Amino acid sequence: MKNYDNFFLPVENMEEAKQYYGNVLGLKMKFDFSDKGMVAYNIGDEEPAVILKDKNKFKNLKPTIWFEVADVMAEYEKMKEKGIVFLSEPFKINTGYAAEFEDPFGNRLGITDYSERT
């Protein structure tokens, strides 16, 4: 694991959530993909963001932490060999690939890489 990547939080009302995170907490918006069910906010100058995910567009959501790795496909195979059960095969995202799993306590985690970053 190289670093934290993003922190995902489920929300039921995206407009209300944008008001809260942007105006009440005063966080700077990183991107607004409301049409895809996601809005991201930076915390200071850090690259990792808080990404709000719309529960109406994504089912079975839990608060989730993603970790950056060099290569999701390679890390996925190593982690499977250690007995980690993933929620799906690695999937394509805008910046590379990601895969999610849960720890033995039900906390959702994920790995992602930046293999497609331009």
PDB file of N, CA and C in Angstrom:
ATOM      1  N   MET A   1       0.846  -1.163   0.000  1.00  0.00           N
ATOM      2  CA  MET A   1       0.000   0.000   0.000  1.00  0.00           C
ATOM      3  C   MET A   1       0.898   1.235   0.000  1.00  0.00           C
ATOM      4  N   LYS A   2       0.640   2.127  -0.929  1.00  0.00           N
ATOM      5  CA  LYS A   2       1.483   3.317  -1.070  1.00  0.00           C
ATOM      6  C   LYS A   2       0.969   4.504  -0.267  1.00  0.00           C
ATOM      7  N   ASN A   3      -0.351   4.658  -0.211  1.00  0.00           N
ATOM      8  CA  ASN A   3      -0.907   5.860   0.385  1.00  0.00           C
ATOM      9  C   ASN A   3      -2.417   5.689   0.527  1.00  0.00           C
ATOM     10  N   TYR A   4      -3.028   6.592   1.274  1.00  0.00           N
ATOM     11  CA  TYR A   4      -4.482   6.673   1.232  1.00  0.00           C
ATOM     12  C   TYR A   4      -4.860   7.166  -0.155  1.00  0.00           C
ATOM     13  N   ASP A   5      -6.021   6.761  -0.641  1.00  0.00           N
ATOM     14  CA  ASP A   5      -6.504   7.331  -1.888  1.00  0.00           C
ATOM     15  C   ASP A   5      -7.717   8.197  -1.591  1.00  0.00           C
ATOM     16  N   ASN A   6      -8.891   7.604  -1.539  1.00  0.00           N
ATOM     17  CA  ASN A   6     -10.104   8.383  -1.298  1.00  0.00           C
ATOM     18  C   ASN A   6     -10.936   7.749  -0.196  1.00  0.00           C
ATOM     19  N   PHE A   7     -11.805   8.579   0.360  1.00  0.00           N
ATOM     20  CA  PHE A   7     -12.736   8.157   1.397  1.00  0.00           C
ATOM     21  C   PHE A   7     -14.137   8.336   0.829  1.00  0.00           C
ATOM     22  N   PHE A   8     -14.897   7.264   0.722  1.00  0.00           N
ATOM     23  CA  PHE A   8     -16.228   7.309   0.123  1.00  0.00           C
ATOM     24  C   PHE A   8     -17.292   7.292   1.220  1.00  0.00           C
ATOM     25  N   LEU A   9     -18.249   8.210   1.100  1.00  0.00           N
ATOM     26  CA  LEU A   9     -19.344   8.284   2.058  1.00  0.00           C
ATOM     27  C   LEU A   9     -20.676   8.249   1.319  1.00  0.00           C
ATOM     28  N   PRO A  10     -21.591   7.365   1.724  1.00  0.00           N
ATOM     29  CA  PRO A  10     -22.903   7.331   1.091  1.00  0.00           C
ATOM     30  C   PRO A  10     -23.782   8.476   1.583  1.00  0.00           C
ATOM     31  N   VAL A  11     -24.562   9.049   0.658  1.00  0.00           N
ATOM     32  CA  VAL A  11     -25.520  10.103   1.006  1.00  0.00           C
ATOM     33  C   VAL A  11     -26.851   9.804   0.324  1.00  0.00           C
ATOM     34  N   GLU A  12     -27.921  10.229   0.957  1.00  0.00           N
ATOM     35  CA  GLU A  12     -29.260  10.001   0.392  1.00  0.00           C
ATOM     36  C   GLU A  12     -29.751  11.164  -0.454  1.00  0.00           C
ATOM     37  N   ASN A  13     -29.259  12.370  -0.185  1.00  0.00           N
ATOM     38  CA  ASN A  13     -29.696  13.552  -0.909  1.00  0.00           C
ATOM     39  C   ASN A  13     -28.451  14.336  -1.320  1.00  0.00           C
ATOM     40  N   MET A  14     -28.089  14.235  -2.596  1.00  0.00           N
ATOM     41  CA  MET A  14     -26.835  14.829  -3.059  1.00  0.00           C
ATOM     42  C   MET A  14     -26.849  16.352  -2.943  1.00  0.00           C
ATOM     43  N   GLU A  15     -27.948  17.002  -3.249  1.00  0.00           N
ATOM     44  CA  GLU A  15     -27.992  18.465  -3.153  1.00  0.00           C
ATOM     45  C   GLU A  15     -27.824  18.927  -1.706  1.00  0.00           C
ATOM     46  N   GLU A  16     -28.464  18.253  -0.793  1.00  0.00           N
ATOM     47  CA  GLU A  16     -28.314  18.576   0.633  1.00  0.00           C
ATOM     48  C   GLU A  16     -26.873  18.306   1.085  1.00  0.00           C
ATOM     49  N   ALA A  17     -26.296  17.213   0.613  1.00  0.00           N
ATOM     50  CA  ALA A  17     -24.917  16.867   0.975  1.00  0.00           C
ATOM     51  C   ALA A  17     -23.931  17.900   0.426  1.00  0.00           C
ATOM     52  N   LYS A  18     -24.141  18.355  -0.808  1.00  0.00           N
ATOM     53  CA  LYS A  18     -23.271  19.374  -1.391  1.00  0.00           C
ATOM     54  C   LYS A  18     -23.348  20.672  -0.581  1.00  0.00           C
ATOM     55  N   GLN A  19     -24.530  21.024  -0.153  1.00  0.00           N
ATOM     56  CA  GLN A  19     -24.714  22.213   0.680  1.00  0.00           C
ATOM     57  C   GLN A  19     -23.926  22.057   1.987  1.00  0.00           C
ATOM     58  N   TYR A  20     -24.052  20.901   2.617  1.00  0.00           N
ATOM     59  CA  TYR A  20     -23.381  20.661   3.898  1.00  0.00           C
ATOM     60  C   TYR A  20     -21.853  20.664   3.748  1.00  0.00           C
ATOM     61  N   TYR A  21     -21.331  19.831   2.834  1.00  0.00           N
ATOM     62  CA  TYR A  21     -19.882  19.696   2.712  1.00  0.00           C
ATOM     63  C   TYR A  21     -19.224  20.945   2.130  1.00  0.00           C
ATOM     64  N   GLY A  22     -19.910  21.597   1.191  1.00  0.00           N
ATOM     65  CA  GLY A  22     -19.341  22.784   0.573  1.00  0.00           C
ATOM     66  C   GLY A  22     -19.527  24.051   1.386  1.00  0.00           C
ATOM     67  N   ASN A  23     -20.739  24.285   1.865  1.00  0.00           N
ATOM     68  CA  ASN A  23     -21.027  25.558   2.541  1.00  0.00           C
ATOM     69  C   ASN A  23     -20.877  25.489   4.056  1.00  0.00           C
ATOM     70  N   VAL A  24     -21.367  24.435   4.675  1.00  0.00           N
ATOM     71  CA  VAL A  24     -21.276  24.344   6.139  1.00  0.00           C
ATOM     72  C   VAL A  24     -19.853  23.983   6.569  1.00  0.00           C
ATOM     73  N   LEU A  25     -19.287  22.916   5.977  1.00  0.00           N
ATOM     74  CA  LEU A  25     -17.919  22.529   6.338  1.00  0.00           C
ATOM     75  C   LEU A  25     -16.871  23.374   5.616  1.00  0.00           C
ATOM     76  N   GLY A  26     -17.265  23.996   4.511  1.00  0.00           N
ATOM     77  CA  GLY A  26     -16.347  24.863   3.783  1.00  0.00           C
ATOM     78  C   GLY A  26     -15.275  24.135   2.992  1.00  0.00           C
ATOM     79  N   LEU A  27     -15.554  22.906   2.567  1.00  0.00           N
ATOM     80  CA  LEU A  27     -14.573  22.153   1.788  1.00  0.00           C
ATOM     81  C   LEU A  27     -14.606  22.581   0.327  1.00  0.00           C
ATOM     82  N   LYS A  28     -13.451  22.517  -0.319  1.00  0.00           N
ATOM     83  CA  LYS A  28     -13.335  22.884  -1.727  1.00  0.00           C
ATOM     84  C   LYS A  28     -13.710  21.689  -2.604  1.00  0.00           C
ATOM     85  N   MET A  29     -14.602  21.929  -3.574  1.00  0.00           N
ATOM     86  CA  MET A  29     -15.016  20.845  -4.463  1.00  0.00           C
ATOM     87  C   MET A  29     -13.869  20.460  -5.389  1.00  0.00           C
ATOM     88  N   LYS A  30     -13.615  19.161  -5.476  1.00  0.00           N
ATOM     89  CA  LYS A  30     -12.585  18.633  -6.373  1.00  0.00           C
ATOM     90  C   LYS A  30     -13.204  18.320  -7.731  1.00  0.00           C
ATOM     91  N   PHE A  31     -14.358  17.655  -7.717  1.00  0.00           N
ATOM     92  CA  PHE A  31     -15.111  17.426  -8.948  1.00  0.00           C
ATOM     93  C   PHE A  31     -16.574  17.203  -8.608  1.00  0.00           C
ATOM     94  N   ASP A  32     -17.427  17.452  -9.591  1.00  0.00           N
ATOM     95  CA  ASP A  32     -18.865  17.251  -9.439  1.00  0.00           C
ATOM     96  C   ASP A  32     -19.354  16.392 -10.588  1.00  0.00           C
ATOM     97  N   PHE A  33     -19.503  15.114 -10.308  1.00  0.00           N
ATOM     98  CA  PHE A  33     -20.071  14.167 -11.261  1.00  0.00           C
ATOM     99  C   PHE A  33     -21.441  13.747 -10.738  1.00  0.00           C
ATOM    100  N   SER A  34     -22.248  14.735 -10.358  1.00  0.00           N
ATOM    101  CA  SER A  34     -23.573  14.447  -9.803  1.00  0.00           C
ATOM    102  C   SER A  34     -24.387  13.556 -10.727  1.00  0.00           C
ATOM    103  N   ASP A  35     -24.230  13.746 -12.034  1.00  0.00           N
ATOM    104  CA  ASP A  35     -24.969  12.922 -12.995  1.00  0.00           C
ATOM    105  C   ASP A  35     -24.576  11.452 -12.900  1.00  0.00           C
ATOM    106  N   LYS A  36     -23.361  11.183 -12.410  1.00  0.00           N
ATOM    107  CA  LYS A  36     -22.896   9.807 -12.214  1.00  0.00           C
ATOM    108  C   LYS A  36     -23.031   9.378 -10.757  1.00  0.00           C
ATOM    109  N   GLY A  37     -23.540  10.285  -9.904  1.00  0.00           N
ATOM    110  CA  GLY A  37     -23.770   9.953  -8.503  1.00  0.00           C
ATOM    111  C   GLY A  37     -22.597  10.175  -7.574  1.00  0.00           C
ATOM    112  N   MET A  38     -21.628  11.034  -7.983  1.00  0.00           N
ATOM    113  CA  MET A  38     -20.464  11.273  -7.131  1.00  0.00           C
ATOM    114  C   MET A  38     -20.052  12.739  -7.146  1.00  0.00           C
ATOM    115  N   VAL A  39     -19.681  13.228  -5.981  1.00  0.00           N
ATOM    116  CA  VAL A  39     -19.119  14.569  -5.826  1.00  0.00           C
ATOM    117  C   VAL A  39     -17.949  14.435  -4.855  1.00  0.00           C
ATOM    118  N   ALA A  40     -16.820  15.083  -5.182  1.00  0.00           N
ATOM    119  CA  ALA A  40     -15.626  14.959  -4.346  1.00  0.00           C
ATOM    120  C   ALA A  40     -15.216  16.302  -3.774  1.00  0.00           C
ATOM    121  N   TYR A  41     -14.682  16.255  -2.556  1.00  0.00           N
ATOM    122  CA  TYR A  41     -14.184  17.436  -1.863  1.00  0.00           C
ATOM    123  C   TYR A  41     -12.766  17.193  -1.384  1.00  0.00           C
ATOM    124  N   ASN A  42     -11.911  18.203  -1.593  1.00  0.00           N
ATOM    125  CA  ASN A  42     -10.548  18.148  -1.086  1.00  0.00           C
ATOM    126  C   ASN A  42     -10.510  18.514   0.388  1.00  0.00           C
ATOM    127  N   ILE A  43      -9.540  17.964   1.070  1.00  0.00           N
ATOM    128  CA  ILE A  43      -9.222  18.349   2.437  1.00  0.00           C
ATOM    129  C   ILE A  43      -7.851  19.008   2.353  1.00  0.00           C
ATOM    130  N   GLY A  44      -7.805  20.319   2.448  1.00  0.00           N
ATOM    131  CA  GLY A  44      -6.543  21.039   2.305  1.00  0.00           C
ATOM    132  C   GLY A  44      -5.929  20.800   0.949  1.00  0.00           C
ATOM    133  N   ASP A  45      -4.616  20.595   0.925  1.00  0.00           N
ATOM    134  CA  ASP A  45      -3.896  20.389  -0.327  1.00  0.00           C
ATOM    135  C   ASP A  45      -3.639  18.907  -0.612  1.00  0.00           C
ATOM    136  N   GLU A  46      -4.273  18.038   0.155  1.00  0.00           N
ATOM    137  CA  GLU A  46      -4.052  16.602  -0.007  1.00  0.00           C
ATOM    138  C   GLU A  46      -4.727  16.081  -1.273  1.00  0.00           C
ATOM    139  N   GLU A  47      -4.111  15.099  -1.933  1.00  0.00           N
ATOM    140  CA  GLU A  47      -4.700  14.466  -3.111  1.00  0.00           C
ATOM    141  C   GLU A  47      -5.927  13.623  -2.756  1.00  0.00           C
ATOM    142  N   PRO A  48      -5.871  12.796  -1.685  1.00  0.00           N
ATOM    143  CA  PRO A  48      -7.068  12.022  -1.340  1.00  0.00           C
ATOM    144  C   PRO A  48      -8.244  12.945  -1.055  1.00  0.00           C
ATOM    145  N   ALA A  49      -9.416  12.525  -1.444  1.00  0.00           N
ATOM    146  CA  ALA A  49     -10.615  13.337  -1.281  1.00  0.00           C
ATOM    147  C   ALA A  49     -11.693  12.566  -0.540  1.00  0.00           C
ATOM    148  N   VAL A  50     -12.663  13.304  -0.046  1.00  0.00           N
ATOM    149  CA  VAL A  50     -13.909  12.721   0.446  1.00  0.00           C
ATOM    150  C   VAL A  50     -14.843  12.709  -0.754  1.00  0.00           C
ATOM    151  N   ILE A  51     -15.287  11.525  -1.149  1.00  0.00           N
ATOM    152  CA  ILE A  51     -16.180  11.404  -2.294  1.00  0.00           C
ATOM    153  C   ILE A  51     -17.542  10.945  -1.785  1.00  0.00           C
ATOM    154  N   LEU A  52     -18.540  11.785  -2.037  1.00  0.00           N
ATOM    155  CA  LEU A  52     -19.914  11.454  -1.669  1.00  0.00           C
ATOM    156  C   LEU A  52     -20.519  10.629  -2.790  1.00  0.00           C
ATOM    157  N   LYS A  53     -21.154   9.511  -2.425  1.00  0.00           N
ATOM    158  CA  LYS A  53     -21.787   8.645  -3.421  1.00  0.00           C
ATOM    159  C   LYS A  53     -23.285   8.585  -3.139  1.00  0.00           C
ATOM    160  N   ASP A  54     -24.060   8.783  -4.173  1.00  0.00           N
ATOM    161  CA  ASP A  54     -25.515   8.824  -4.094  1.00  0.00           C
ATOM    162  C   ASP A  54     -26.088   7.417  -3.905  1.00  0.00           C
ATOM    163  N   LYS A  55     -26.738   7.197  -2.762  1.00  0.00           N
ATOM    164  CA  LYS A  55     -27.324   5.887  -2.455  1.00  0.00           C
ATOM    165  C   LYS A  55     -28.433   5.508  -3.434  1.00  0.00           C
ATOM    166  N   ASN A  56     -28.976   6.496  -4.143  1.00  0.00           N
ATOM    167  CA  ASN A  56     -30.020   6.210  -5.131  1.00  0.00           C
ATOM    168  C   ASN A  56     -29.444   5.646  -6.425  1.00  0.00           C
ATOM    169  N   LYS A  57     -28.164   5.857  -6.657  1.00  0.00           N
ATOM    170  CA  LYS A  57     -27.518   5.358  -7.877  1.00  0.00           C
ATOM    171  C   LYS A  57     -26.622   4.152  -7.620  1.00  0.00           C
ATOM    172  N   PHE A  58     -26.127   4.028  -6.395  1.00  0.00           N
ATOM    173  CA  PHE A  58     -25.243   2.924  -6.031  1.00  0.00           C
ATOM    174  C   PHE A  58     -25.903   2.133  -4.913  1.00  0.00           C
ATOM    175  N   LYS A  59     -26.055   0.865  -5.102  1.00  0.00           N
ATOM    176  CA  LYS A  59     -26.674   0.012  -4.087  1.00  0.00           C
ATOM    177  C   LYS A  59     -25.600  -0.607  -3.195  1.00  0.00           C
ATOM    178  N   ASN A  60     -25.991  -1.042  -2.012  1.00  0.00           N
ATOM    179  CA  ASN A  60     -25.100  -1.737  -1.090  1.00  0.00           C
ATOM    180  C   ASN A  60     -23.874  -0.899  -0.712  1.00  0.00           C
ATOM    181  N   LEU A  61     -24.089   0.391  -0.496  1.00  0.00           N
ATOM    182  CA  LEU A  61     -22.983   1.275  -0.125  1.00  0.00           C
ATOM    183  C   LEU A  61     -22.661   1.193   1.354  1.00  0.00           C
ATOM    184  N   LYS A  62     -21.395   1.376   1.644  1.00  0.00           N
ATOM    185  CA  LYS A  62     -20.896   1.527   3.005  1.00  0.00           C
ATOM    186  C   LYS A  62     -19.807   2.589   2.940  1.00  0.00           C
ATOM    187  N   PRO A  63     -19.535   3.272   4.039  1.00  0.00           N
ATOM    188  CA  PRO A  63     -18.339   4.119   4.048  1.00  0.00           C
ATOM    189  C   PRO A  63     -17.130   3.243   3.683  1.00  0.00           C
ATOM    190  N   THR A  64     -16.279   3.761   2.809  1.00  0.00           N
ATOM    191  CA  THR A  64     -15.194   2.961   2.250  1.00  0.00           C
ATOM    192  C   THR A  64     -13.909   3.779   2.181  1.00  0.00           C
ATOM    193  N   ILE A  65     -12.792   3.140   2.493  1.00  0.00           N
ATOM    194  CA  ILE A  65     -11.471   3.752   2.330  1.00  0.00           C
ATOM    195  C   ILE A  65     -10.737   2.988   1.233  1.00  0.00           C
ATOM    196  N   TRP A  66     -10.216   3.729   0.271  1.00  0.00           N
ATOM    197  CA  TRP A  66      -9.374   3.121  -0.757  1.00  0.00           C
ATOM    198  C   TRP A  66      -7.920   3.467  -0.479  1.00  0.00           C
ATOM    199  N   PHE A  67      -7.037   2.506  -0.810  1.00  0.00           N
ATOM    200  CA  PHE A  67      -5.596   2.681  -0.688  1.00  0.00           C
ATOM    201  C   PHE A  67      -4.984   2.635  -2.081  1.00  0.00           C
ATOM    202  N   GLU A  68      -4.003   3.483  -2.307  1.00  0.00           N
ATOM    203  CA  GLU A  68      -3.312   3.482  -3.584  1.00  0.00           C
ATOM    204  C   GLU A  68      -2.257   2.380  -3.589  1.00  0.00           C
ATOM    205  N   VAL A  69      -2.202   1.645  -4.679  1.00  0.00           N
ATOM    206  CA  VAL A  69      -1.178   0.622  -4.903  1.00  0.00           C
ATOM    207  C   VAL A  69      -0.556   0.878  -6.274  1.00  0.00           C
ATOM    208  N   ALA A  70       0.584   0.273  -6.536  1.00  0.00           N
ATOM    209  CA  ALA A  70       1.255   0.478  -7.817  1.00  0.00           C
ATOM    210  C   ALA A  70       0.487  -0.169  -8.969  1.00  0.00           C
ATOM    211  N   ASP A  71      -0.067  -1.361  -8.726  1.00  0.00           N
ATOM    212  CA  ASP A  71      -0.728  -2.125  -9.791  1.00  0.00           C
ATOM    213  C   ASP A  71      -1.863  -2.936  -9.166  1.00  0.00           C
ATOM    214  N   VAL A  72      -3.093  -2.554  -9.435  1.00  0.00           N
ATOM    215  CA  VAL A  72      -4.239  -3.241  -8.833  1.00  0.00           C
ATOM    216  C   VAL A  72      -4.263  -4.716  -9.205  1.00  0.00           C
ATOM    217  N   MET A  73      -4.024  -5.032 -10.451  1.00  0.00           N
ATOM    218  CA  MET A  73      -4.113  -6.436 -10.884  1.00  0.00           C
ATOM    219  C   MET A  73      -3.122  -7.314 -10.113  1.00  0.00           C
ATOM    220  N   ALA A  74      -1.886  -6.851  -9.963  1.00  0.00           N
ATOM    221  CA  ALA A  74      -0.875  -7.627  -9.239  1.00  0.00           C
ATOM    222  C   ALA A  74      -1.229  -7.713  -7.753  1.00  0.00           C
ATOM    223  N   GLU A  75      -1.629  -6.597  -7.157  1.00  0.00           N
ATOM    224  CA  GLU A  75      -1.978  -6.583  -5.733  1.00  0.00           C
ATOM    225  C   GLU A  75      -3.209  -7.440  -5.458  1.00  0.00           C
ATOM    226  N   TYR A  76      -4.170  -7.400  -6.356  1.00  0.00           N
ATOM    227  CA  TYR A  76      -5.389  -8.206  -6.258  1.00  0.00           C
ATOM    228  C   TYR A  76      -5.024  -9.696  -6.157  1.00  0.00           C
ATOM    229  N   GLU A  77      -4.141 -10.152  -7.016  1.00  0.00           N
ATOM    230  CA  GLU A  77      -3.738 -11.567  -7.006  1.00  0.00           C
ATOM    231  C   GLU A  77      -3.017 -11.920  -5.707  1.00  0.00           C
ATOM    232  N   LYS A  78      -2.100 -11.054  -5.252  1.00  0.00           N
ATOM    233  CA  LYS A  78      -1.384 -11.309  -3.996  1.00  0.00           C
ATOM    234  C   LYS A  78      -2.351 -11.382  -2.812  1.00  0.00           C
ATOM    235  N   MET A  79      -3.299 -10.456  -2.797  1.00  0.00           N
ATOM    236  CA  MET A  79      -4.245 -10.403  -1.675  1.00  0.00           C
ATOM    237  C   MET A  79      -5.191 -11.606  -1.696  1.00  0.00           C
ATOM    238  N   LYS A  80      -5.600 -12.047  -2.885  1.00  0.00           N
ATOM    239  CA  LYS A  80      -6.442 -13.247  -2.984  1.00  0.00           C
ATOM    240  C   LYS A  80      -5.699 -14.469  -2.444  1.00  0.00           C
ATOM    241  N   GLU A  81      -4.399 -14.559  -2.714  1.00  0.00           N
ATOM    242  CA  GLU A  81      -3.588 -15.675  -2.218  1.00  0.00           C
ATOM    243  C   GLU A  81      -3.536 -15.684  -0.692  1.00  0.00           C
ATOM    244  N   LYS A  82      -3.703 -14.511  -0.079  1.00  0.00           N
ATOM    245  CA  LYS A  82      -3.707 -14.407   1.382  1.00  0.00           C
ATOM    246  C   LYS A  82      -5.091 -14.638   1.965  1.00  0.00           C
ATOM    247  N   GLY A  83      -6.052 -14.965   1.114  1.00  0.00           N
ATOM    248  CA  GLY A  83      -7.389 -15.288   1.599  1.00  0.00           C
ATOM    249  C   GLY A  83      -8.393 -14.141   1.583  1.00  0.00           C
ATOM    250  N   ILE A  84      -8.013 -12.998   1.048  1.00  0.00           N
ATOM    251  CA  ILE A  84      -8.949 -11.871   0.977  1.00  0.00           C
ATOM    252  C   ILE A  84      -9.974 -12.156  -0.105  1.00  0.00           C
ATOM    253  N   VAL A  85     -11.237 -11.984   0.252  1.00  0.00           N
ATOM    254  CA  VAL A  85     -12.333 -12.199  -0.686  1.00  0.00           C
ATOM    255  C   VAL A  85     -12.812 -10.828  -1.159  1.00  0.00           C
ATOM    256  N   PHE A  86     -12.706 -10.600  -2.446  1.00  0.00           N
ATOM    257  CA  PHE A  86     -13.103  -9.322  -3.027  1.00  0.00           C
ATOM    258  C   PHE A  86     -14.587  -9.322  -3.363  1.00  0.00           C
ATOM    259  N   LEU A  87     -15.170  -8.134  -3.392  1.00  0.00           N
ATOM    260  CA  LEU A  87     -16.586  -7.979  -3.706  1.00  0.00           C
ATOM    261  C   LEU A  87     -16.845  -8.115  -5.201  1.00  0.00           C
ATOM    262  N   SER A  88     -15.786  -7.921  -6.012  1.00  0.00           N
ATOM    263  CA  SER A  88     -15.877  -8.083  -7.462  1.00  0.00           C
ATOM    264  C   SER A  88     -14.468  -8.228  -8.021  1.00  0.00           C
ATOM    265  N   GLU A  89     -14.400  -8.525  -9.293  1.00  0.00           N
ATOM    266  CA  GLU A  89     -13.125  -8.489  -9.998  1.00  0.00           C
ATOM    267  C   GLU A  89     -12.684  -7.025 -10.050  1.00  0.00           C
ATOM    268  N   PRO A  90     -11.398  -6.738 -10.296  1.00  0.00           N
ATOM    269  CA  PRO A  90     -10.986  -5.345 -10.478  1.00  0.00           C
ATOM    270  C   PRO A  90     -11.808  -4.691 -11.597  1.00  0.00           C
ATOM    271  N   PHE A  91     -12.135  -3.421 -11.396  1.00  0.00           N
ATOM    272  CA  PHE A  91     -12.947  -2.706 -12.381  1.00  0.00           C
ATOM    273  C   PHE A  91     -12.254  -1.417 -12.794  1.00  0.00           C
ATOM    274  N   LYS A  92     -12.558  -0.976 -14.011  1.00  0.00           N
ATOM    275  CA  LYS A  92     -11.967   0.226 -14.594  1.00  0.00           C
ATOM    276  C   LYS A  92     -12.613   1.466 -13.988  1.00  0.00           C
ATOM    277  N   ILE A  93     -11.775   2.442 -13.648  1.00  0.00           N
ATOM    278  CA  ILE A  93     -12.228   3.763 -13.228  1.00  0.00           C
ATOM    279  C   ILE A  93     -11.485   4.786 -14.100  1.00  0.00           C
ATOM    280  N   ASN A  94     -11.806   6.055 -13.949  1.00  0.00           N
ATOM    281  CA  ASN A  94     -11.188   7.082 -14.807  1.00  0.00           C
ATOM    282  C   ASN A  94      -9.667   7.099 -14.742  1.00  0.00           C
ATOM    283  N   THR A  95      -9.091   6.811 -13.597  1.00  0.00           N
ATOM    284  CA  THR A  95      -7.642   6.939 -13.427  1.00  0.00           C
ATOM    285  C   THR A  95      -6.879   5.614 -13.496  1.00  0.00           C
ATOM    286  N   GLY A  96      -7.573   4.503 -13.576  1.00  0.00           N
ATOM    287  CA  GLY A  96      -6.903   3.203 -13.609  1.00  0.00           C
ATOM    288  C   GLY A  96      -7.870   2.086 -13.284  1.00  0.00           C
ATOM    289  N   TYR A  97      -7.533   1.312 -12.247  1.00  0.00           N
ATOM    290  CA  TYR A  97      -8.366   0.183 -11.820  1.00  0.00           C
ATOM    291  C   TYR A  97      -8.563   0.216 -10.317  1.00  0.00           C
ATOM    292  N   ALA A  98      -9.620  -0.453  -9.865  1.00  0.00           N
ATOM    293  CA  ALA A  98      -9.915  -0.533  -8.435  1.00  0.00           C
ATOM    294  C   ALA A  98     -10.575  -1.875  -8.147  1.00  0.00           C
ATOM    295  N   ALA A  99     -10.541  -2.272  -6.880  1.00  0.00           N
ATOM    296  CA  ALA A  99     -11.233  -3.474  -6.399  1.00  0.00           C
ATOM    297  C   ALA A  99     -11.530  -3.256  -4.919  1.00  0.00           C
ATOM    298  N   GLU A 100     -12.695  -3.721  -4.494  1.00  0.00           N
ATOM    299  CA  GLU A 100     -13.098  -3.539  -3.101  1.00  0.00           C
ATOM    300  C   GLU A 100     -13.263  -4.870  -2.392  1.00  0.00           C
ATOM    301  N   PHE A 101     -13.064  -4.826  -1.077  1.00  0.00           N
ATOM    302  CA  PHE A 101     -13.205  -6.001  -0.220  1.00  0.00           C
ATOM    303  C   PHE A 101     -13.631  -5.516   1.150  1.00  0.00           C
ATOM    304  N   GLU A 102     -13.973  -6.442   2.023  1.00  0.00           N
ATOM    305  CA  GLU A 102     -14.293  -6.094   3.406  1.00  0.00           C
ATOM    306  C   GLU A 102     -13.349  -6.828   4.334  1.00  0.00           C
ATOM    307  N   ASP A 103     -12.970  -6.145   5.411  1.00  0.00           N
ATOM    308  CA  ASP A 103     -12.131  -6.802   6.404  1.00  0.00           C
ATOM    309  C   ASP A 103     -13.005  -7.749   7.228  1.00  0.00           C
ATOM    310  N   PRO A 104     -12.425  -8.544   8.118  1.00  0.00           N
ATOM    311  CA  PRO A 104     -13.218  -9.503   8.906  1.00  0.00           C
ATOM    312  C   PRO A 104     -14.271  -8.852   9.802  1.00  0.00           C
ATOM    313  N   PHE A 105     -14.235  -7.528   9.928  1.00  0.00           N
ATOM    314  CA  PHE A 105     -15.145  -6.822  10.828  1.00  0.00           C
ATOM    315  C   PHE A 105     -16.245  -6.087  10.080  1.00  0.00           C
ATOM    316  N   GLY A 106     -16.295  -6.265   8.744  1.00  0.00           N
ATOM    317  CA  GLY A 106     -17.339  -5.658   7.928  1.00  0.00           C
ATOM    318  C   GLY A 106     -17.011  -4.270   7.403  1.00  0.00           C
ATOM    319  N   ASN A 107     -15.791  -3.786   7.651  1.00  0.00           N
ATOM    320  CA  ASN A 107     -15.391  -2.483   7.119  1.00  0.00           C
ATOM    321  C   ASN A 107     -15.019  -2.622   5.648  1.00  0.00           C
ATOM    322  N   ARG A 108     -15.498  -1.716   4.829  1.00  0.00           N
ATOM    323  CA  ARG A 108     -15.211  -1.791   3.400  1.00  0.00           C
ATOM    324  C   ARG A 108     -13.939  -1.009   3.083  1.00  0.00           C
ATOM    325  N   LEU A 109     -13.057  -1.670   2.319  1.00  0.00           N
ATOM    326  CA  LEU A 109     -11.776  -1.121   1.903  1.00  0.00           C
ATOM    327  C   LEU A 109     -11.607  -1.376   0.416  1.00  0.00           C
ATOM    328  N   GLY A 110     -10.651  -0.719  -0.181  1.00  0.00           N
ATOM    329  CA  GLY A 110     -10.401  -0.946  -1.590  1.00  0.00           C
ATOM    330  C   GLY A 110      -8.976  -0.614  -1.946  1.00  0.00           C
ATOM    331  N   ILE A 111      -8.578  -1.066  -3.129  1.00  0.00           N
ATOM    332  CA  ILE A 111      -7.276  -0.722  -3.679  1.00  0.00           C
ATOM    333  C   ILE A 111      -7.513  -0.078  -5.042  1.00  0.00           C
ATOM    334  N   THR A 112      -6.646   0.856  -5.384  1.00  0.00           N
ATOM    335  CA  THR A 112      -6.752   1.526  -6.671  1.00  0.00           C
ATOM    336  C   THR A 112      -5.360   1.898  -7.158  1.00  0.00           C
ATOM    337  N   ASP A 113      -5.237   2.056  -8.466  1.00  0.00           N
ATOM    338  CA  ASP A 113      -3.973   2.528  -9.017  1.00  0.00           C
ATOM    339  C   ASP A 113      -4.252   3.696  -9.961  1.00  0.00           C
ATOM    340  N   TYR A 114      -3.193   4.306 -10.416  1.00  0.00           N
ATOM    341  CA  TYR A 114      -3.295   5.450 -11.326  1.00  0.00           C
ATOM    342  C   TYR A 114      -2.664   5.101 -12.667  1.00  0.00           C
ATOM    343  N   SER A 115      -2.901   3.895 -13.147  1.00  0.00           N
ATOM    344  CA  SER A 115      -2.299   3.415 -14.373  1.00  0.00           C
ATOM    345  C   SER A 115      -2.825   4.135 -15.615  1.00  0.00           C
ATOM    346  N   GLU A 116      -3.956   4.822 -15.510  1.00  0.00           N
ATOM    347  CA  GLU A 116      -4.533   5.537 -16.646  1.00  0.00           C
ATOM    348  C   GLU A 116      -4.454   7.046 -16.475  1.00  0.00           C
ATOM    349  N   ARG A 117      -3.719   7.513 -15.499  1.00  0.00           N
ATOM    350  CA  ARG A 117      -3.622   8.964 -15.252  1.00  0.00           C
ATOM    351  C   ARG A 117      -2.896   9.627 -16.414  1.00  0.00           C
ATOM    352  N   THR A 118      -3.461  10.733 -16.856  1.00  0.00           N
ATOM    353  CA  THR A 118      -2.852  11.459 -17.986  1.00  0.00           C
ATOM    354  C   THR A 118      -2.169  12.701 -17.509  1.00  0.00           C
TER     355      THR A 118
END
